[in-house]
């Protein structure tokens, strides 16, 4: 499977990096036409309740 090109109404424009949690992409939110960053969690990270809580805290 290759890099995503679109997630919901976000148009992916490039990969910014990858780390322990997953990958981060540069994207355009097509509804208000704003540049955003999207973090896609790895399956192992998303399946671990403690790691998912860490991600939630980071997002807040």
PDB file of N, CA and C in Angstrom:
ATOM      1  N   UNK A   1       0.849  -1.172   0.000  1.00  0.00           N
ATOM      2  CA  UNK A   1       0.000   0.000   0.000  1.00  0.00           C
ATOM      3  C   UNK A   1       0.895   1.235   0.000  1.00  0.00           C
ATOM      4  N   UNK A   2       0.591   2.226  -0.847  1.00  0.00           N
ATOM      5  CA  UNK A   2       1.392   3.430  -0.953  1.00  0.00           C
ATOM      6  C   UNK A   2       0.934   4.504   0.017  1.00  0.00           C
ATOM      7  N   UNK A   3       1.510   5.666  -0.156  1.00  0.00           N
ATOM      8  CA  UNK A   3       1.160   6.815   0.687  1.00  0.00           C
ATOM      9  C   UNK A   3      -0.276   7.239   0.389  1.00  0.00           C
ATOM     10  N   UNK A   4      -1.020   7.680   1.400  1.00  0.00           N
ATOM     11  CA  UNK A   4      -2.385   8.142   1.145  1.00  0.00           C
ATOM     12  C   UNK A   4      -2.359   9.458   0.370  1.00  0.00           C
ATOM     13  N   UNK A   5      -3.391   9.690  -0.427  1.00  0.00           N
ATOM     14  CA  UNK A   5      -3.505  10.956  -1.148  1.00  0.00           C
ATOM     15  C   UNK A   5      -4.632  11.805  -0.591  1.00  0.00           C
ATOM     16  N   UNK A   6      -5.579  11.160   0.093  1.00  0.00           N
ATOM     17  CA  UNK A   6      -6.678  11.889   0.700  1.00  0.00           C
ATOM     18  C   UNK A   6      -7.207  11.103   1.890  1.00  0.00           C
ATOM     19  N   UNK A   7      -7.514  11.828   2.966  1.00  0.00           N
ATOM     20  CA  UNK A   7      -8.150  11.262   4.145  1.00  0.00           C
ATOM     21  C   UNK A   7      -9.323  12.176   4.456  1.00  0.00           C
ATOM     22  N   UNK A   8     -10.545  11.625   4.351  1.00  0.00           N
ATOM     23  CA  UNK A   8     -11.776  12.424   4.517  1.00  0.00           C
ATOM     24  C   UNK A   8     -11.683  13.637   3.587  1.00  0.00           C
ATOM     25  N   UNK A   9     -11.834  14.849   4.113  1.00  0.00           N
ATOM     26  CA  UNK A   9     -11.773  16.051   3.262  1.00  0.00           C
ATOM     27  C   UNK A   9     -10.398  16.717   3.304  1.00  0.00           C
ATOM     28  N   UNK A  10      -9.386  15.954   3.719  1.00  0.00           N
ATOM     29  CA  UNK A  10      -8.015  16.450   3.758  1.00  0.00           C
ATOM     30  C   UNK A  10      -7.240  15.909   2.547  1.00  0.00           C
ATOM     31  N   UNK A  11      -6.692  16.794   1.735  1.00  0.00           N
ATOM     32  CA  UNK A  11      -5.876  16.402   0.583  1.00  0.00           C
ATOM     33  C   UNK A  11      -4.422  16.355   1.028  1.00  0.00           C
ATOM     34  N   UNK A  12      -3.816  15.177   0.997  1.00  0.00           N
ATOM     35  CA  UNK A  12      -2.435  15.004   1.445  1.00  0.00           C
ATOM     36  C   UNK A  12      -1.499  15.589   0.385  1.00  0.00           C
ATOM     37  N   UNK A  13      -0.568  16.448   0.832  1.00  0.00           N
ATOM     38  CA  UNK A  13       0.356  17.082  -0.107  1.00  0.00           C
ATOM     39  C   UNK A  13       1.798  16.618   0.089  1.00  0.00           C
ATOM     40  N   UNK A  14       2.089  15.931   1.185  1.00  0.00           N
ATOM     41  CA  UNK A  14       3.441  15.418   1.380  1.00  0.00           C
ATOM     42  C   UNK A  14       3.624  14.812   2.754  1.00  0.00           C
ATOM     43  N   UNK A  15       4.674  14.029   2.892  1.00  0.00           N
ATOM     44  CA  UNK A  15       5.000  13.413   4.179  1.00  0.00           C
ATOM     45  C   UNK A  15       6.010  14.297   4.887  1.00  0.00           C
ATOM     46  N   UNK A  16       5.736  14.625   6.146  1.00  0.00           N
ATOM     47  CA  UNK A  16       6.642  15.455   6.930  1.00  0.00           C
ATOM     48  C   UNK A  16       7.640  14.632   7.720  1.00  0.00           C
ATOM     49  N   UNK A  17       7.228  13.457   8.166  1.00  0.00           N
ATOM     50  CA  UNK A  17       8.139  12.629   8.947  1.00  0.00           C
ATOM     51  C   UNK A  17       7.446  11.407   9.501  1.00  0.00           C
ATOM     52  N   UNK A  18       8.246  10.591  10.184  1.00  0.00           N
ATOM     53  CA  UNK A  18       7.716   9.366  10.775  1.00  0.00           C
ATOM     54  C   UNK A  18       8.487   9.082  12.052  1.00  0.00           C
ATOM     55  N   UNK A  19       7.776   8.625  13.070  1.00  0.00           N
ATOM     56  CA  UNK A  19       8.410   8.335  14.340  1.00  0.00           C
ATOM     57  C   UNK A  19       7.761   7.166  15.023  1.00  0.00           C
ATOM     58  N   UNK A  20       7.933   7.109  16.343  1.00  0.00           N
ATOM     59  CA  UNK A  20       7.421   5.996  17.121  1.00  0.00           C
ATOM     60  C   UNK A  20       5.909   5.864  17.112  1.00  0.00           C
ATOM     61  N   UNK A  21       5.202   6.989  17.056  1.00  0.00           N
ATOM     62  CA  UNK A  21       3.740   6.943  17.072  1.00  0.00           C
ATOM     63  C   UNK A  21       3.147   6.617  15.712  1.00  0.00           C
ATOM     64  N   UNK A  22       3.782   7.061  14.652  1.00  0.00           N
ATOM     65  CA  UNK A  22       3.244   6.868  13.312  1.00  0.00           C
ATOM     66  C   UNK A  22       3.843   7.880  12.358  1.00  0.00           C
ATOM     67  N   UNK A  23       3.089   8.251  11.350  1.00  0.00           N
ATOM     68  CA  UNK A  23       3.569   9.174  10.317  1.00  0.00           C
ATOM     69  C   UNK A  23       2.804  10.492  10.396  1.00  0.00           C
ATOM     70  N   UNK A  24       3.485  11.572  10.002  1.00  0.00           N
ATOM     71  CA  UNK A  24       2.878  12.902   9.977  1.00  0.00           C
ATOM     72  C   UNK A  24       2.900  13.399   8.536  1.00  0.00           C
ATOM     73  N   UNK A  25       1.749  13.871   8.078  1.00  0.00           N
ATOM     74  CA  UNK A  25       1.595  14.348   6.711  1.00  0.00           C
ATOM     75  C   UNK A  25       1.185  15.812   6.689  1.00  0.00           C
ATOM     76  N   UNK A  26       1.665  16.523   5.672  1.00  0.00           N
ATOM     77  CA  UNK A  26       1.169  17.869   5.382  1.00  0.00           C
ATOM     78  C   UNK A  26      -0.064  17.673   4.505  1.00  0.00           C
ATOM     79  N   UNK A  27      -1.110  18.448   4.794  1.00  0.00           N
ATOM     80  CA  UNK A  27      -2.352  18.298   4.033  1.00  0.00           C
ATOM     81  C   UNK A  27      -3.061  19.637   3.933  1.00  0.00           C
ATOM     82  N   UNK A  28      -4.046  19.676   3.053  1.00  0.00           N
ATOM     83  CA  UNK A  28      -4.922  20.837   2.940  1.00  0.00           C
ATOM     84  C   UNK A  28      -6.315  20.409   3.355  1.00  0.00           C
ATOM     85  N   UNK A  29      -6.872  21.120   4.332  1.00  0.00           N
ATOM     86  CA  UNK A  29      -8.265  20.919   4.727  1.00  0.00           C
ATOM     87  C   UNK A  29      -9.081  21.614   3.653  1.00  0.00           C
ATOM     88  N   UNK A  30      -9.764  20.852   2.813  1.00  0.00           N
ATOM     89  CA  UNK A  30     -10.439  21.426   1.637  1.00  0.00           C
ATOM     90  C   UNK A  30     -11.697  22.212   1.967  1.00  0.00           C
ATOM     91  N   UNK A  31     -12.232  22.054   3.161  1.00  0.00           N
ATOM     92  CA  UNK A  31     -13.455  22.807   3.497  1.00  0.00           C
ATOM     93  C   UNK A  31     -13.133  24.277   3.754  1.00  0.00           C
ATOM     94  N   UNK A  32     -12.199  24.623   4.675  1.00  0.00           N
ATOM     95  CA  UNK A  32     -11.846  26.035   4.805  1.00  0.00           C
ATOM     96  C   UNK A  32     -10.580  26.392   4.012  1.00  0.00           C
ATOM     97  N   UNK A  33      -9.998  25.399   3.276  1.00  0.00           N
ATOM     98  CA  UNK A  33      -8.788  25.603   2.481  1.00  0.00           C
ATOM     99  C   UNK A  33      -7.619  26.076   3.334  1.00  0.00           C
ATOM    100  N   UNK A  34      -7.306  25.312   4.388  1.00  0.00           N
ATOM    101  CA  UNK A  34      -6.199  25.623   5.285  1.00  0.00           C
ATOM    102  C   UNK A  34      -5.160  24.512   5.263  1.00  0.00           C
ATOM    103  N   UNK A  35      -3.890  24.880   5.416  1.00  0.00           N
ATOM    104  CA  UNK A  35      -2.840  23.875   5.561  1.00  0.00           C
ATOM    105  C   UNK A  35      -2.882  23.320   6.976  1.00  0.00           C
ATOM    106  N   UNK A  36      -2.749  21.995   7.089  1.00  0.00           N
ATOM    107  CA  UNK A  36      -2.791  21.312   8.386  1.00  0.00           C
ATOM    108  C   UNK A  36      -1.735  20.208   8.395  1.00  0.00           C
ATOM    109  N   UNK A  37      -1.484  19.656   9.568  1.00  0.00           N
ATOM    110  CA  UNK A  37      -0.658  18.457   9.707  1.00  0.00           C
ATOM    111  C   UNK A  37      -1.555  17.356  10.255  1.00  0.00           C
ATOM    112  N   UNK A  38      -1.400  16.161   9.720  1.00  0.00           N
ATOM    113  CA  UNK A  38      -2.197  15.012  10.145  1.00  0.00           C
ATOM    114  C   UNK A  38      -1.253  13.920  10.628  1.00  0.00           C
ATOM    115  N   UNK A  39      -1.501  13.420  11.828  1.00  0.00           N
ATOM    116  CA  UNK A  39      -0.704  12.310  12.351  1.00  0.00           C
ATOM    117  C   UNK A  39      -1.538  11.037  12.220  1.00  0.00           C
ATOM    118  N   UNK A  40      -0.977  10.045  11.559  1.00  0.00           N
ATOM    119  CA  UNK A  40      -1.621   8.745  11.383  1.00  0.00           C
ATOM    120  C   UNK A  40      -0.890   7.763  12.289  1.00  0.00           C
ATOM    121  N   UNK A  41      -1.609   7.250  13.280  1.00  0.00           N
ATOM    122  CA  UNK A  41      -0.995   6.341  14.257  1.00  0.00           C
ATOM    123  C   UNK A  41      -0.734   4.973  13.664  1.00  0.00           C
ATOM    124  N   UNK A  42       0.351   4.353  14.098  1.00  0.00           N
ATOM    125  CA  UNK A  42       0.622   2.977  13.705  1.00  0.00           C
ATOM    126  C   UNK A  42      -0.416   2.068  14.369  1.00  0.00           C
ATOM    127  N   UNK A  43      -0.652   0.909  13.780  1.00  0.00           N
ATOM    128  CA  UNK A  43      -1.644  -0.025  14.322  1.00  0.00           C
ATOM    129  C   UNK A  43      -1.285  -0.453  15.740  1.00  0.00           C
ATOM    130  N   UNK A  44      -0.008  -0.718  16.003  1.00  0.00           N
ATOM    131  CA  UNK A  44       0.423  -1.136  17.341  1.00  0.00           C
ATOM    132  C   UNK A  44       0.180  -0.043  18.362  1.00  0.00           C
ATOM    133  N   UNK A  45       0.426   1.184  17.985  1.00  0.00           N
ATOM    134  CA  UNK A  45       0.224   2.312  18.893  1.00  0.00           C
ATOM    135  C   UNK A  45      -1.260   2.503  19.183  1.00  0.00           C
ATOM    136  N   UNK A  46      -2.081   2.432  18.146  1.00  0.00           N
ATOM    137  CA  UNK A  46      -3.526   2.650  18.305  1.00  0.00           C
ATOM    138  C   UNK A  46      -4.194   1.550  19.124  1.00  0.00           C
ATOM    139  N   UNK A  47      -3.607   0.346  19.140  1.00  0.00           N
ATOM    140  CA  UNK A  47      -4.196  -0.775  19.874  1.00  0.00           C
ATOM    141  C   UNK A  47      -3.818  -0.788  21.353  1.00  0.00           C
ATOM    142  N   UNK A  48      -2.890   0.063  21.764  1.00  0.00           N
ATOM    143  CA  UNK A  48      -2.411   0.090  23.146  1.00  0.00           C
ATOM    144  C   UNK A  48      -3.083   1.243  23.892  1.00  0.00           C
ATOM    145  N   UNK A  49      -3.951   0.961  24.890  1.00  0.00           N
ATOM    146  CA  UNK A  49      -4.683   2.017  25.589  1.00  0.00           C
ATOM    147  C   UNK A  49      -3.787   3.075  26.238  1.00  0.00           C
ATOM    148  N   UNK A  50      -2.653   2.668  26.792  1.00  0.00           N
ATOM    149  CA  UNK A  50      -1.747   3.647  27.416  1.00  0.00           C
ATOM    150  C   UNK A  50      -1.131   4.573  26.375  1.00  0.00           C
ATOM    151  N   UNK A  51      -0.708   4.004  25.268  1.00  0.00           N
ATOM    152  CA  UNK A  51      -0.132   4.833  24.193  1.00  0.00           C
ATOM    153  C   UNK A  51      -1.182   5.750  23.573  1.00  0.00           C
ATOM    154  N   UNK A  52      -2.401   5.230  23.417  1.00  0.00           N
ATOM    155  CA  UNK A  52      -3.478   6.049  22.860  1.00  0.00           C
ATOM    156  C   UNK A  52      -3.799   7.210  23.799  1.00  0.00           C
ATOM    157  N   UNK A  53      -3.762   6.982  25.105  1.00  0.00           N
ATOM    158  CA  UNK A  53      -3.980   8.058  26.084  1.00  0.00           C
ATOM    159  C   UNK A  53      -2.875   9.103  25.965  1.00  0.00           C
ATOM    160  N   UNK A  54      -1.642   8.667  25.747  1.00  0.00           N
ATOM    161  CA  UNK A  54      -0.519   9.598  25.538  1.00  0.00           C
ATOM    162  C   UNK A  54      -0.759  10.480  24.321  1.00  0.00           C
ATOM    163  N   UNK A  55      -1.217   9.858  23.232  1.00  0.00           N
ATOM    164  CA  UNK A  55      -1.524  10.619  22.021  1.00  0.00           C
ATOM    165  C   UNK A  55      -2.627  11.640  22.279  1.00  0.00           C
ATOM    166  N   UNK A  56      -3.652  11.232  22.985  1.00  0.00           N
ATOM    167  CA  UNK A  56      -4.767  12.143  23.307  1.00  0.00           C
ATOM    168  C   UNK A  56      -4.275  13.327  24.108  1.00  0.00           C
ATOM    169  N   UNK A  57      -3.429  13.076  25.097  1.00  0.00           N
ATOM    170  CA  UNK A  57      -2.868  14.177  25.893  1.00  0.00           C
ATOM    171  C   UNK A  57      -2.038  15.109  25.015  1.00  0.00           C
ATOM    172  N   UNK A  58      -1.240  14.538  24.131  1.00  0.00           N
ATOM    173  CA  UNK A  58      -0.423  15.357  23.238  1.00  0.00           C
ATOM    174  C   UNK A  58      -1.303  16.230  22.333  1.00  0.00           C
ATOM    175  N   UNK A  59      -2.391  15.666  21.830  1.00  0.00           N
ATOM    176  CA  UNK A  59      -3.283  16.404  20.942  1.00  0.00           C
ATOM    177  C   UNK A  59      -3.971  17.565  21.654  1.00  0.00           C
ATOM    178  N   UNK A  60      -4.220  17.409  22.949  1.00  0.00           N
ATOM    179  CA  UNK A  60      -4.892  18.468  23.698  1.00  0.00           C
ATOM    180  C   UNK A  60      -3.921  19.587  23.992  1.00  0.00           C
TER     181      UNK A  60
END
